[in-house]
Amino acid sequence: MKLKKASIITKIVVIALLVYGLVTLAVLMGKINDVNAEKDLLRQEAQDLEIRNAELDYAIEHSTDDEVISDIARDELGLVDPDDKVFYDSDN
């Protein structure tokens, strides 16, 4: 039993499909890499937000503590205790 040789048109079609498949694969690999990078960025943002939420929860739970009130007054409002010594930088 003899096998027929593939015609030149069949060979061209097979090669064209192979090239198309390889190009499509390369494009998809690029998209996968982009999506993975975005996923990593979003994961980091989620972790940062979880940390910030934990800090806010702590601030809410301890909002009546004298130490927390003192820290807020010192850091955010620029207030000082009467016993604190304040040094001013005259170089600025």
Protein backbone atom coordinates (compact mmCIF):
# COMPACT_ATOMS: atom_id res chain seq x y z
CA MET A 1 0.00 0.00 0.00
CA LYS A 2 1.49 3.28 -1.08
CA LEU A 3 0.92 6.56 0.70
CA LYS A 4 0.21 9.66 -1.30
CA LYS A 5 2.64 12.47 -0.86
CA ALA A 6 1.17 15.63 0.55
CA SER A 7 0.71 18.35 -1.97
CA ILE A 8 2.57 21.61 -1.68
CA ILE A 9 -0.65 23.42 -0.75
CA THR A 10 -1.19 21.06 2.17
CA LYS A 11 2.35 21.65 3.37
CA ILE A 12 1.91 25.44 3.14
CA VAL A 13 -1.36 25.26 5.10
CA VAL A 14 0.21 23.13 7.83
CA ILE A 15 3.23 25.45 8.11
CA ALA A 16 0.95 28.52 8.19
CA LEU A 17 -1.14 26.97 10.98
CA LEU A 18 2.01 26.10 12.91
CA VAL A 19 3.36 29.65 12.60
CA TYR A 20 -0.04 31.08 13.61
CA GLY A 21 -0.12 28.80 16.65
CA LEU A 22 3.39 29.82 17.73
CA VAL A 23 2.64 33.54 17.33
CA THR A 24 -0.60 33.16 19.29
CA LEU A 25 1.26 31.27 22.01
CA ALA A 26 3.88 34.02 22.28
CA VAL A 27 1.20 36.72 22.55
CA LEU A 28 -0.65 34.75 25.22
CA MET A 29 2.56 34.24 27.22
CA GLY A 30 3.08 38.01 27.22
CA LYS A 31 -0.47 38.59 28.43
CA ILE A 32 -0.03 35.97 31.15
CA ASN A 33 3.11 37.72 32.38
CA ASP A 34 1.29 41.07 32.45
CA VAL A 35 -1.63 39.60 34.40
CA ASN A 36 0.73 37.93 36.87
CA ALA A 37 2.52 41.23 37.46
CA GLU A 38 -0.80 42.98 38.04
CA LYS A 39 -1.88 40.18 40.39
CA ASP A 40 1.29 40.62 42.44
CA LEU A 41 0.73 44.37 42.61
CA LEU A 42 -2.87 43.91 43.75
CA ARG A 43 -1.79 41.34 46.33
CA GLN A 44 0.73 43.85 47.76
CA GLU A 45 -1.92 46.58 47.82
CA ALA A 46 -4.29 44.22 49.65
CA GLN A 47 -1.62 43.47 52.26
CA ASP A 48 -0.96 47.19 52.73
CA LEU A 49 -4.68 47.81 53.19
CA GLU A 50 -4.93 44.98 55.72
CA ILE A 51 -2.09 46.52 57.73
CA ARG A 52 -3.75 49.95 57.56
CA ASN A 53 -7.07 48.43 58.66
CA ALA A 54 -5.37 46.76 61.62
CA GLU A 55 -3.82 50.09 62.61
CA LEU A 56 -7.19 51.81 62.37
CA ASP A 57 -8.86 49.04 64.39
CA TYR A 58 -6.24 49.48 67.09
CA ALA A 59 -6.76 53.24 67.07
CA ILE A 60 -10.53 52.80 67.41
CA GLU A 61 -10.26 50.21 70.18
CA HIS A 62 -7.78 52.30 72.16
CA SER A 63 -9.16 55.74 71.35
CA THR A 64 -9.77 56.51 75.01
CA ASP A 65 -6.30 55.49 76.21
CA ASP A 66 -4.19 58.38 77.46
CA GLU A 67 -1.14 57.15 75.57
CA VAL A 68 -2.98 57.05 72.24
CA ILE A 69 -4.46 60.50 72.84
CA SER A 70 -1.01 61.83 73.72
CA ASP A 71 0.51 60.30 70.58
CA ILE A 72 -2.18 61.85 68.39
CA ALA A 73 -1.74 65.24 70.05
CA ARG A 74 2.02 65.07 69.62
CA ASP A 75 2.20 63.61 66.08
CA GLU A 76 -0.81 65.10 64.32
CA LEU A 77 -1.47 68.33 66.22
CA GLY A 78 2.09 69.29 67.17
CA LEU A 79 1.25 69.69 70.84
CA VAL A 80 3.73 68.96 73.65
CA ASP A 81 3.46 68.02 77.31
CA PRO A 82 4.37 70.72 79.83
CA ASP A 83 7.39 68.64 80.92
CA ASP A 84 8.73 68.18 77.35
CA LYS A 85 11.66 70.18 76.09
CA VAL A 86 11.28 71.57 72.60
CA PHE A 87 14.28 72.22 70.39
CA TYR A 88 13.95 74.33 67.26
CA ASP A 89 16.18 73.87 64.24
CA SER A 90 17.42 77.31 63.23
CA ASP A 91 19.15 76.11 60.04
CA ASN A 92 15.92 75.96 58.08
